[in-house]
Amino acid sequence: MRILKRSDKAEVPAPEIVIDPNVIHLGERTVKVRKVPVGQWRELFAAVNMLPELIMGVMSAPAENRAAYLFAFIEHALNDVVQVVSVLTGFEPEWIEANVAPDELMAYFTAVARVNNFGGLLKNVQGALQLANLQTGTAEASAE
């Protein structure tokens, strides 16, 4: 016995869902992560207290210890993270605290770091500082 496929039941392909890794959900709102312009960096510096030191600690931590560093980071820097997210998104800090879960904050913060290549920026700054130290050391040795 031969089974024939009915022509009135043609298969319709499922629509392709494209997920943009730069779109993050914060509470019920959706935010597109973008590059941070220089002017906004100035606002960020005014909004942070301990955050740069804590970020450096997490980024420079051995891979096997990063989770512990990350939890310490969250505990000590949550207020700073809320302020940074507020500056970058334009959302009020009170709204963020009332509506956004910590995992959403960290997902946004991580996406901002990735889009803005914070790791590369850090390496470039470290390289420039090392170069400046080498040049200063050479100049001091020449002066003696």
Protein backbone atom coordinates (compact mmCIF):
# COMPACT_ATOMS: atom_id res chain seq x y z
CA MET A 1 0.00 0.00 0.00
CA ARG A 2 1.33 3.37 -0.98
CA ILE A 3 0.80 6.38 1.23
CA LEU A 4 0.55 9.69 -0.52
CA LYS A 5 1.03 13.04 1.04
CA ARG A 6 -2.00 15.29 0.73
CA SER A 7 -1.28 18.34 -1.36
CA ASP A 8 -3.55 20.61 0.68
CA LYS A 9 -1.28 20.20 3.70
CA ALA A 10 1.89 21.65 2.31
CA GLU A 11 4.54 22.25 4.91
CA VAL A 12 5.20 25.86 5.75
CA PRO A 13 8.73 26.51 7.03
CA ALA A 14 8.92 27.98 10.51
CA PRO A 15 9.95 31.63 10.54
CA GLU A 16 13.61 32.09 11.30
CA ILE A 17 14.10 33.75 14.66
CA VAL A 18 17.10 36.01 14.83
CA ILE A 19 18.35 36.77 18.32
CA ASP A 20 20.45 39.90 18.63
CA PRO A 21 23.06 39.36 21.38
CA ASN A 22 23.20 43.14 21.83
CA VAL A 23 19.54 43.37 22.89
CA ILE A 24 19.06 42.84 26.61
CA HIS A 25 15.88 42.73 28.70
CA LEU A 26 15.87 44.86 31.83
CA GLY A 27 12.63 44.23 33.67
CA GLU A 28 9.87 44.58 31.10
CA ARG A 29 11.98 46.92 28.95
CA THR A 30 14.35 46.03 26.13
CA VAL A 31 17.66 47.81 25.64
CA LYS A 32 20.06 47.78 22.70
CA VAL A 33 23.67 47.73 23.90
CA ARG A 34 25.85 50.21 22.04
CA LYS A 35 29.30 51.76 22.10
CA VAL A 36 29.80 54.28 24.88
CA PRO A 37 30.85 57.68 23.46
CA VAL A 38 33.58 59.70 25.16
CA GLY A 39 31.13 62.22 26.61
CA GLN A 40 29.19 59.47 28.34
CA TRP A 41 32.43 58.06 29.78
CA ARG A 42 32.70 61.29 31.77
CA GLU A 43 29.22 60.71 33.19
CA LEU A 44 30.18 57.14 34.05
CA PHE A 45 33.28 58.22 35.96
CA ALA A 46 31.10 60.53 38.04
CA ALA A 47 28.67 57.65 38.74
CA VAL A 48 31.14 55.05 39.97
CA ASN A 49 32.94 54.68 43.25
CA MET A 50 34.59 51.28 43.82
CA LEU A 51 33.54 49.77 40.50
CA PRO A 52 36.80 50.13 38.50
CA GLU A 53 38.86 48.42 41.19
CA LEU A 54 36.35 45.61 41.53
CA ILE A 55 36.13 45.09 37.76
CA MET A 56 39.92 44.90 37.54
CA GLY A 57 39.87 42.31 40.33
CA VAL A 58 37.33 40.15 38.49
CA MET A 59 39.08 40.49 35.12
CA SER A 60 42.51 39.68 36.53
CA ALA A 61 41.33 36.83 38.76
CA PRO A 62 42.41 33.31 37.82
CA ALA A 63 39.70 31.61 35.74
CA GLU A 64 38.95 29.07 38.47
CA ASN A 65 38.31 31.86 41.02
CA ARG A 66 36.27 34.24 38.85
CA ALA A 67 32.92 33.10 40.20
CA ALA A 68 33.96 33.93 43.78
CA TYR A 69 35.30 37.31 42.65
CA LEU A 70 32.10 37.96 40.71
CA PHE A 71 29.92 37.33 43.77
CA ALA A 72 32.11 39.67 45.84
CA PHE A 73 31.82 42.19 43.02
CA ILE A 74 28.03 41.97 43.03
CA GLU A 75 27.85 42.35 46.79
CA HIS A 76 30.10 45.41 46.95
CA ALA A 77 29.26 47.16 43.71
CA LEU A 78 25.53 46.77 43.19
CA ASN A 79 24.86 50.48 43.79
CA ASP A 80 27.59 51.46 41.33
CA VAL A 81 26.25 49.00 38.75
CA VAL A 82 22.75 50.49 39.12
CA GLN A 83 24.20 53.99 38.59
CA VAL A 84 26.18 52.89 35.52
CA VAL A 85 23.16 51.15 33.99
CA SER A 86 21.10 54.26 34.73
CA VAL A 87 23.60 56.49 32.90
CA LEU A 88 23.85 54.11 29.92
CA THR A 89 20.12 53.41 29.55
CA GLY A 90 18.56 56.66 30.79
CA PHE A 91 16.38 54.66 33.21
CA GLU A 92 15.95 56.09 36.71
CA PRO A 93 17.97 54.23 39.38
CA GLU A 94 14.78 53.77 41.43
CA TRP A 95 13.08 52.07 38.47
CA ILE A 96 16.09 49.79 37.98
CA GLU A 97 16.15 48.80 41.67
CA ALA A 98 12.39 48.07 41.65
CA ASN A 99 12.17 46.23 38.31
CA VAL A 100 15.47 44.70 37.24
CA ALA A 101 16.87 41.43 38.56
CA PRO A 102 20.60 41.12 39.37
CA ASP A 103 21.12 38.59 36.57
CA GLU A 104 19.63 41.07 34.08
CA LEU A 105 21.94 43.83 35.38
CA MET A 106 24.96 41.57 34.97
CA ALA A 107 23.85 40.43 31.50
CA TYR A 108 23.58 44.07 30.45
CA PHE A 109 26.87 45.01 32.09
CA THR A 110 28.64 42.05 30.43
CA ALA A 111 27.17 42.94 27.04
CA VAL A 112 28.34 46.56 27.44
CA ALA A 113 31.84 45.31 28.31
CA ARG A 114 31.84 43.01 25.25
CA VAL A 115 30.49 45.61 22.79
CA ASN A 116 32.96 48.22 24.05
CA ASN A 117 35.87 45.76 24.17
CA PHE A 118 36.76 46.58 27.77
CA GLY A 119 39.29 43.72 27.80
CA GLY A 120 41.12 45.18 24.80
CA LEU A 121 40.90 48.67 26.28
CA LEU A 122 42.42 47.42 29.52
CA LYS A 123 45.26 45.68 27.66
CA ASN A 124 45.97 48.81 25.61
CA VAL A 125 46.04 50.98 28.74
CA GLN A 126 48.35 48.51 30.49
CA GLY A 127 50.61 48.43 27.41
CA ALA A 128 50.72 52.23 27.26
CA LEU A 129 51.58 52.42 30.97
CA GLN A 130 54.36 49.85 30.56
CA LEU A 131 55.73 51.77 27.58
CA ALA A 132 55.62 55.01 29.56
CA ASN A 133 57.45 53.32 32.46
CA LEU A 134 60.11 51.98 30.09
CA GLN A 135 60.63 55.41 28.55
CA THR A 136 60.75 57.07 31.97
CA GLY A 137 63.25 54.47 33.18
CA THR A 138 65.44 54.99 30.08
CA ALA A 139 65.31 58.77 30.50
CA GLU A 140 66.24 58.51 34.18
CA ALA A 141 69.13 56.15 33.40
CA SER A 142 70.43 58.55 30.72
CA ALA A 143 70.27 61.48 33.16
CA GLU A 144 72.50 59.68 35.69
